[in-house]
């Protein structure tokens, strides 16, 4: 989306709306699963209730959180300034003159119950070699990213395969931590908790 303010064009890009549909489906299915569990009387004990809250509550929190994060994220190019509001609502800005080039890196990220899936990270790199902006290509419409690149007077980047550690070495500041390893650990924790709960139910 772009508009004009006086003599200068203002470019605003946001995550594409498919996230709202996806998260809406998650919330709807979570609500249906809860109703079915109540109707069928699947919750017989306090442990069953706790497991239901962990699983269904987790999906609900994820869906609501992702909807809010999608609504908050925004990149604005106005005049000589690029303003960024991330998915947590934090604001930062930098001058267009600081941008050297754009880059695209394909990395594998862990997705719950789906293993490792490739995703592309779109980057704006500063003249000092550090990353100024990182966006998930799967979160934004490609045409919106192309408009951003064109507005900044850059060339559309070629996609290269990489890892989080390699990207951080190439473009310092891209990732605050190696989230691939952390995400895998986070996925293991609820899996173990669920396994312990199921074992307790079967042998209780």
C-alpha atoms as a PDB file:
ATOM      1  CA  UNK A   1       0.000   0.000   0.000  1.00  0.00           C
ATOM      2  CA  UNK A   2       1.318   3.466  -0.837  1.00  0.00           C
ATOM      3  CA  UNK A   3      -0.048   6.948  -0.466  1.00  0.00           C
ATOM      4  CA  UNK A   4       1.136  10.475  -1.064  1.00  0.00           C
ATOM      5  CA  UNK A   5       1.815  13.132   1.547  1.00  0.00           C
ATOM      6  CA  UNK A   6       2.589  16.430  -0.115  1.00  0.00           C
ATOM      7  CA  UNK A   7       5.250  15.725  -2.714  1.00  0.00           C
ATOM      8  CA  UNK A   8       6.649  12.546  -1.150  1.00  0.00           C
ATOM      9  CA  UNK A   9       5.308   9.026  -1.532  1.00  0.00           C
ATOM     10  CA  UNK A  10       4.742   6.968   1.597  1.00  0.00           C
ATOM     11  CA  UNK A  11       5.017   3.195   1.321  1.00  0.00           C
ATOM     12  CA  UNK A  12       3.399   1.004   3.977  1.00  0.00           C
ATOM     13  CA  UNK A  13       3.611  -2.784   3.910  1.00  0.00           C
ATOM     14  CA  UNK A  14       1.980  -5.205   6.338  1.00  0.00           C
ATOM     15  CA  UNK A  15       1.876  -9.013   6.694  1.00  0.00           C
ATOM     16  CA  UNK A  16      -0.600 -10.564   4.275  1.00  0.00           C
ATOM     17  CA  UNK A  17      -4.078 -11.318   5.550  1.00  0.00           C
ATOM     18  CA  UNK A  18      -3.880 -15.079   5.153  1.00  0.00           C
ATOM     19  CA  UNK A  19      -2.544 -15.209   8.729  1.00  0.00           C
ATOM     20  CA  UNK A  20      -5.914 -13.994  10.005  1.00  0.00           C
ATOM     21  CA  UNK A  21      -7.680 -16.800   8.146  1.00  0.00           C
ATOM     22  CA  UNK A  22      -5.230 -19.448   9.357  1.00  0.00           C
ATOM     23  CA  UNK A  23      -5.396 -18.303  12.978  1.00  0.00           C
ATOM     24  CA  UNK A  24      -9.179 -17.954  12.795  1.00  0.00           C
ATOM     25  CA  UNK A  25      -9.418 -21.585  11.677  1.00  0.00           C
ATOM     26  CA  UNK A  26      -7.189 -22.647  14.581  1.00  0.00           C
ATOM     27  CA  UNK A  27      -9.412 -20.847  17.090  1.00  0.00           C
ATOM     28  CA  UNK A  28     -12.571 -22.274  15.513  1.00  0.00           C
ATOM     29  CA  UNK A  29     -11.234 -25.841  15.541  1.00  0.00           C
ATOM     30  CA  UNK A  30     -10.054 -25.387  19.144  1.00  0.00           C
ATOM     31  CA  UNK A  31     -13.520 -24.261  20.202  1.00  0.00           C
ATOM     32  CA  UNK A  32     -15.141 -27.177  18.329  1.00  0.00           C
ATOM     33  CA  UNK A  33     -12.742 -29.658  19.952  1.00  0.00           C
ATOM     34  CA  UNK A  34     -13.623 -28.286  23.401  1.00  0.00           C
ATOM     35  CA  UNK A  35     -17.371 -28.568  22.729  1.00  0.00           C
ATOM     36  CA  UNK A  36     -16.990 -32.126  21.403  1.00  0.00           C
ATOM     37  CA  UNK A  37     -14.954 -33.113  24.463  1.00  0.00           C
ATOM     38  CA  UNK A  38     -17.695 -31.726  26.709  1.00  0.00           C
ATOM     39  CA  UNK A  39     -20.540 -33.389  24.782  1.00  0.00           C
ATOM     40  CA  UNK A  40     -18.839 -36.786  24.659  1.00  0.00           C
ATOM     41  CA  UNK A  41     -17.819 -36.560  28.290  1.00  0.00           C
ATOM     42  CA  UNK A  42     -14.167 -37.146  27.440  1.00  0.00           C
ATOM     43  CA  UNK A  43     -12.982 -35.220  30.489  1.00  0.00           C
ATOM     44  CA  UNK A  44     -13.393 -37.606  33.440  1.00  0.00           C
ATOM     45  CA  UNK A  45     -10.790 -36.384  35.918  1.00  0.00           C
ATOM     46  CA  UNK A  46      -8.797 -33.365  36.972  1.00  0.00           C
ATOM     47  CA  UNK A  47      -5.799 -34.702  35.028  1.00  0.00           C
ATOM     48  CA  UNK A  48      -7.930 -34.882  31.866  1.00  0.00           C
ATOM     49  CA  UNK A  49      -8.976 -31.275  32.449  1.00  0.00           C
ATOM     50  CA  UNK A  50      -5.382 -30.159  32.915  1.00  0.00           C
ATOM     51  CA  UNK A  51      -4.288 -31.903  29.706  1.00  0.00           C
ATOM     52  CA  UNK A  52      -7.211 -30.361  27.819  1.00  0.00           C
ATOM     53  CA  UNK A  53      -6.269 -26.899  29.046  1.00  0.00           C
ATOM     54  CA  UNK A  54      -2.612 -27.440  28.108  1.00  0.00           C
ATOM     55  CA  UNK A  55      -3.334 -28.654  24.581  1.00  0.00           C
ATOM     56  CA  UNK A  56      -6.420 -26.632  23.630  1.00  0.00           C
ATOM     57  CA  UNK A  57      -5.343 -23.592  25.646  1.00  0.00           C
ATOM     58  CA  UNK A  58      -1.981 -23.663  23.913  1.00  0.00           C
ATOM     59  CA  UNK A  59      -3.611 -23.581  20.473  1.00  0.00           C
ATOM     60  CA  UNK A  60      -5.936 -20.765  21.559  1.00  0.00           C
ATOM     61  CA  UNK A  61      -3.097 -18.657  22.944  1.00  0.00           C
ATOM     62  CA  UNK A  62      -1.064 -19.244  19.794  1.00  0.00           C
ATOM     63  CA  UNK A  63      -3.962 -18.213  17.526  1.00  0.00           C
ATOM     64  CA  UNK A  64      -4.821 -15.071  19.468  1.00  0.00           C
ATOM     65  CA  UNK A  65      -1.180 -14.082  19.851  1.00  0.00           C
ATOM     66  CA  UNK A  66      -0.455 -14.517  16.155  1.00  0.00           C
ATOM     67  CA  UNK A  67      -3.501 -12.427  15.181  1.00  0.00           C
ATOM     68  CA  UNK A  68      -2.329  -9.588  17.427  1.00  0.00           C
ATOM     69  CA  UNK A  69       1.256  -9.875  16.173  1.00  0.00           C
ATOM     70  CA  UNK A  70       0.111  -9.782  12.540  1.00  0.00           C
ATOM     71  CA  UNK A  71      -1.970  -6.678  13.213  1.00  0.00           C
ATOM     72  CA  UNK A  72       0.962  -4.880  14.866  1.00  0.00           C
ATOM     73  CA  UNK A  73       3.689  -5.535  12.291  1.00  0.00           C
ATOM     74  CA  UNK A  74       4.275  -2.749   9.780  1.00  0.00           C
ATOM     75  CA  UNK A  75       7.091  -1.230   7.698  1.00  0.00           C
ATOM     76  CA  UNK A  76       6.783   2.385   6.549  1.00  0.00           C
ATOM     77  CA  UNK A  77       9.045   4.282   4.158  1.00  0.00           C
ATOM     78  CA  UNK A  78       8.394   8.000   4.371  1.00  0.00           C
ATOM     79  CA  UNK A  79      10.823  10.469   2.896  1.00  0.00           C
ATOM     80  CA  UNK A  80      14.332   9.602   4.041  1.00  0.00           C
ATOM     81  CA  UNK A  81      13.225   7.458   6.983  1.00  0.00           C
ATOM     82  CA  UNK A  82      12.310   3.774   7.264  1.00  0.00           C
ATOM     83  CA  UNK A  83      10.117   3.052  10.293  1.00  0.00           C
ATOM     84  CA  UNK A  84       9.570  -0.483  11.554  1.00  0.00           C
ATOM     85  CA  UNK A  85       6.982  -1.760  14.028  1.00  0.00           C
ATOM     86  CA  UNK A  86       7.646  -5.415  14.771  1.00  0.00           C
ATOM     87  CA  UNK A  87       5.237  -8.165  15.808  1.00  0.00           C
ATOM     88  CA  UNK A  88       5.718  -7.249  19.484  1.00  0.00           C
ATOM     89  CA  UNK A  89       4.780  -3.613  18.848  1.00  0.00           C
ATOM     90  CA  UNK A  90       8.310  -2.272  19.287  1.00  0.00           C
ATOM     91  CA  UNK A  91       9.269   0.734  17.139  1.00  0.00           C
ATOM     92  CA  UNK A  92      12.566   1.590  15.551  1.00  0.00           C
ATOM     93  CA  UNK A  93      13.720   3.671  12.607  1.00  0.00           C
ATOM     94  CA  UNK A  94      16.725   4.202  10.386  1.00  0.00           C
ATOM     95  CA  UNK A  95      17.661   6.421   7.454  1.00  0.00           C
ATOM     96  CA  UNK A  96      17.278   5.199   3.882  1.00  0.00           C
ATOM     97  CA  UNK A  97      20.853   6.324   3.332  1.00  0.00           C
ATOM     98  CA  UNK A  98      22.005   3.642   5.782  1.00  0.00           C
ATOM     99  CA  UNK A  99      20.719   0.815   3.546  1.00  0.00           C
ATOM    100  CA  UNK A 100      23.330  -0.811   1.333  1.00  0.00           C
ATOM    101  CA  UNK A 101      21.459  -3.723  -0.241  1.00  0.00           C
ATOM    102  CA  UNK A 102      18.849  -6.414   0.311  1.00  0.00           C
ATOM    103  CA  UNK A 103      19.423 -10.128   0.812  1.00  0.00           C
ATOM    104  CA  UNK A 104      17.349 -13.306   0.901  1.00  0.00           C
ATOM    105  CA  UNK A 105      18.380 -16.367   2.862  1.00  0.00           C
ATOM    106  CA  UNK A 106      16.581 -19.719   2.902  1.00  0.00           C
ATOM    107  CA  UNK A 107      16.744 -21.442   6.283  1.00  0.00           C
ATOM    108  CA  UNK A 108      15.102 -24.458   7.886  1.00  0.00           C
ATOM    109  CA  UNK A 109      12.851 -23.666  10.820  1.00  0.00           C
ATOM    110  CA  UNK A 110      11.089 -26.135  13.136  1.00  0.00           C
ATOM    111  CA  UNK A 111       7.302 -26.304  12.792  1.00  0.00           C
ATOM    112  CA  UNK A 112       5.214 -28.129  15.371  1.00  0.00           C
ATOM    113  CA  UNK A 113       4.307 -31.686  14.204  1.00  0.00           C
ATOM    114  CA  UNK A 114       5.698 -30.936  10.720  1.00  0.00           C
ATOM    115  CA  UNK A 115       9.445 -31.265  11.216  1.00  0.00           C
ATOM    116  CA  UNK A 116      11.840 -28.805   9.622  1.00  0.00           C
ATOM    117  CA  UNK A 117      10.409 -26.608   6.888  1.00  0.00           C
ATOM    118  CA  UNK A 118      12.301 -24.121   4.715  1.00  0.00           C
ATOM    119  CA  UNK A 119      11.452 -20.435   4.970  1.00  0.00           C
ATOM    120  CA  UNK A 120      12.995 -17.360   3.400  1.00  0.00           C
ATOM    121  CA  UNK A 121      14.274 -14.439   5.473  1.00  0.00           C
ATOM    122  CA  UNK A 122      14.235 -11.076   3.675  1.00  0.00           C
ATOM    123  CA  UNK A 123      16.960  -8.736   4.939  1.00  0.00           C
ATOM    124  CA  UNK A 124      17.948  -5.101   4.551  1.00  0.00           C
ATOM    125  CA  UNK A 125      21.666  -4.721   5.113  1.00  0.00           C
ATOM    126  CA  UNK A 126      23.340  -1.515   6.284  1.00  0.00           C
ATOM    127  CA  UNK A 127      26.501  -0.029   4.868  1.00  0.00           C
ATOM    128  CA  UNK A 128      28.342  -1.259   7.955  1.00  0.00           C
ATOM    129  CA  UNK A 129      27.379  -4.848   7.088  1.00  0.00           C
ATOM    130  CA  UNK A 130      24.881  -5.240   9.915  1.00  0.00           C
ATOM    131  CA  UNK A 131      21.252  -6.273   9.415  1.00  0.00           C
ATOM    132  CA  UNK A 132      18.842  -3.344   9.656  1.00  0.00           C
ATOM    133  CA  UNK A 133      15.617  -5.258   9.007  1.00  0.00           C
ATOM    134  CA  UNK A 134      14.545  -8.908   8.889  1.00  0.00           C
ATOM    135  CA  UNK A 135      11.159 -10.007   7.556  1.00  0.00           C
ATOM    136  CA  UNK A 136       9.768 -13.486   6.970  1.00  0.00           C
ATOM    137  CA  UNK A 137       8.947 -13.830   3.276  1.00  0.00           C
ATOM    138  CA  UNK A 138       6.148 -16.255   4.153  1.00  0.00           C
ATOM    139  CA  UNK A 139       4.539 -13.517   6.287  1.00  0.00           C
ATOM    140  CA  UNK A 140       4.523 -10.844   3.567  1.00  0.00           C
ATOM    141  CA  UNK A 141       3.195 -10.769   0.039  1.00  0.00           C
ATOM    142  CA  UNK A 142       6.082 -10.987  -2.426  1.00  0.00           C
ATOM    143  CA  UNK A 143       4.759  -7.986  -4.342  1.00  0.00           C
ATOM    144  CA  UNK A 144       4.844  -5.911  -1.151  1.00  0.00           C
ATOM    145  CA  UNK A 145       8.503  -6.815  -0.596  1.00  0.00           C
ATOM    146  CA  UNK A 146       9.229  -6.015  -4.239  1.00  0.00           C
ATOM    147  CA  UNK A 147       7.655  -2.570  -3.771  1.00  0.00           C
ATOM    148  CA  UNK A 148       9.836  -2.036  -0.702  1.00  0.00           C
ATOM    149  CA  UNK A 149      12.972  -2.963  -2.643  1.00  0.00           C
ATOM    150  CA  UNK A 150      11.960  -0.728  -5.554  1.00  0.00           C
ATOM    151  CA  UNK A 151      11.119   2.217  -3.263  1.00  0.00           C
ATOM    152  CA  UNK A 152      14.554   1.981  -1.639  1.00  0.00           C
ATOM    153  CA  UNK A 153      16.223   1.833  -5.055  1.00  0.00           C
ATOM    154  CA  UNK A 154      17.671  -1.638  -4.511  1.00  0.00           C
ATOM    155  CA  UNK A 155      17.912  -4.775  -6.631  1.00  0.00           C
ATOM    156  CA  UNK A 156      15.773  -7.812  -5.826  1.00  0.00           C
ATOM    157  CA  UNK A 157      18.084 -10.333  -4.088  1.00  0.00           C
ATOM    158  CA  UNK A 158      18.877 -13.889  -5.096  1.00  0.00           C
ATOM    159  CA  UNK A 159      17.932 -16.543  -2.545  1.00  0.00           C
ATOM    160  CA  UNK A 160      20.814 -18.413  -0.914  1.00  0.00           C
ATOM    161  CA  UNK A 161      20.660 -21.364   1.467  1.00  0.00           C
ATOM    162  CA  UNK A 162      22.090 -20.691   4.907  1.00  0.00           C
ATOM    163  CA  UNK A 163      21.691 -21.321   8.633  1.00  0.00           C
ATOM    164  CA  UNK A 164      20.981 -18.910  11.476  1.00  0.00           C
ATOM    165  CA  UNK A 165      24.598 -19.055  12.640  1.00  0.00           C
ATOM    166  CA  UNK A 166      25.943 -18.440   9.133  1.00  0.00           C
ATOM    167  CA  UNK A 167      23.554 -15.501   8.671  1.00  0.00           C
ATOM    168  CA  UNK A 168      24.649 -13.962  11.972  1.00  0.00           C
ATOM    169  CA  UNK A 169      28.281 -14.274  10.926  1.00  0.00           C
ATOM    170  CA  UNK A 170      27.553 -12.761   7.509  1.00  0.00           C
ATOM    171  CA  UNK A 171      25.161 -10.065   8.737  1.00  0.00           C
ATOM    172  CA  UNK A 172      25.631  -9.392  12.484  1.00  0.00           C
ATOM    173  CA  UNK A 173      22.491  -8.545  14.388  1.00  0.00           C
ATOM    174  CA  UNK A 174      20.092 -10.522  12.182  1.00  0.00           C
ATOM    175  CA  UNK A 175      19.008 -12.909  14.955  1.00  0.00           C
ATOM    176  CA  UNK A 176      19.315 -12.269  18.678  1.00  0.00           C
ATOM    177  CA  UNK A 177      19.930 -15.999  19.217  1.00  0.00           C
ATOM    178  CA  UNK A 178      19.979 -19.292  17.375  1.00  0.00           C
ATOM    179  CA  UNK A 179      16.199 -19.753  17.604  1.00  0.00           C
ATOM    180  CA  UNK A 180      16.343 -23.023  15.667  1.00  0.00           C
ATOM    181  CA  UNK A 181      17.970 -24.774  18.622  1.00  0.00           C
ATOM    182  CA  UNK A 182      15.764 -22.988  21.170  1.00  0.00           C
ATOM    183  CA  UNK A 183      12.572 -23.761  19.233  1.00  0.00           C
ATOM    184  CA  UNK A 184      13.453 -27.457  19.073  1.00  0.00           C
ATOM    185  CA  UNK A 185      13.976 -27.481  22.851  1.00  0.00           C
ATOM    186  CA  UNK A 186      10.647 -25.701  23.387  1.00  0.00           C
ATOM    187  CA  UNK A 187       8.893 -28.280  21.196  1.00  0.00           C
ATOM    188  CA  UNK A 188      10.385 -31.145  23.198  1.00  0.00           C
ATOM    189  CA  UNK A 189       9.131 -29.832  26.567  1.00  0.00           C
ATOM    190  CA  UNK A 190       5.347 -30.012  25.869  1.00  0.00           C
ATOM    191  CA  UNK A 191       5.840 -33.328  24.068  1.00  0.00           C
ATOM    192  CA  UNK A 192       7.458 -34.825  27.160  1.00  0.00           C
ATOM    193  CA  UNK A 193       4.765 -33.304  29.385  1.00  0.00           C
ATOM    194  CA  UNK A 194       2.050 -34.804  27.213  1.00  0.00           C
ATOM    195  CA  UNK A 195       3.785 -38.204  27.222  1.00  0.00           C
ATOM    196  CA  UNK A 196       4.006 -38.133  31.026  1.00  0.00           C
ATOM    197  CA  UNK A 197       0.315 -37.209  31.263  1.00  0.00           C
ATOM    198  CA  UNK A 198      -0.735 -40.028  28.938  1.00  0.00           C
ATOM    199  CA  UNK A 199       1.426 -42.520  30.876  1.00  0.00           C
ATOM    200  CA  UNK A 200      -0.178 -41.387  34.148  1.00  0.00           C
ATOM    201  CA  UNK A 201      -3.685 -41.802  32.701  1.00  0.00           C
ATOM    202  CA  UNK A 202      -2.964 -45.279  31.283  1.00  0.00           C
ATOM    203  CA  UNK A 203      -1.284 -46.566  34.426  1.00  0.00           C
ATOM    204  CA  UNK A 204      -3.241 -44.618  37.029  1.00  0.00           C
END
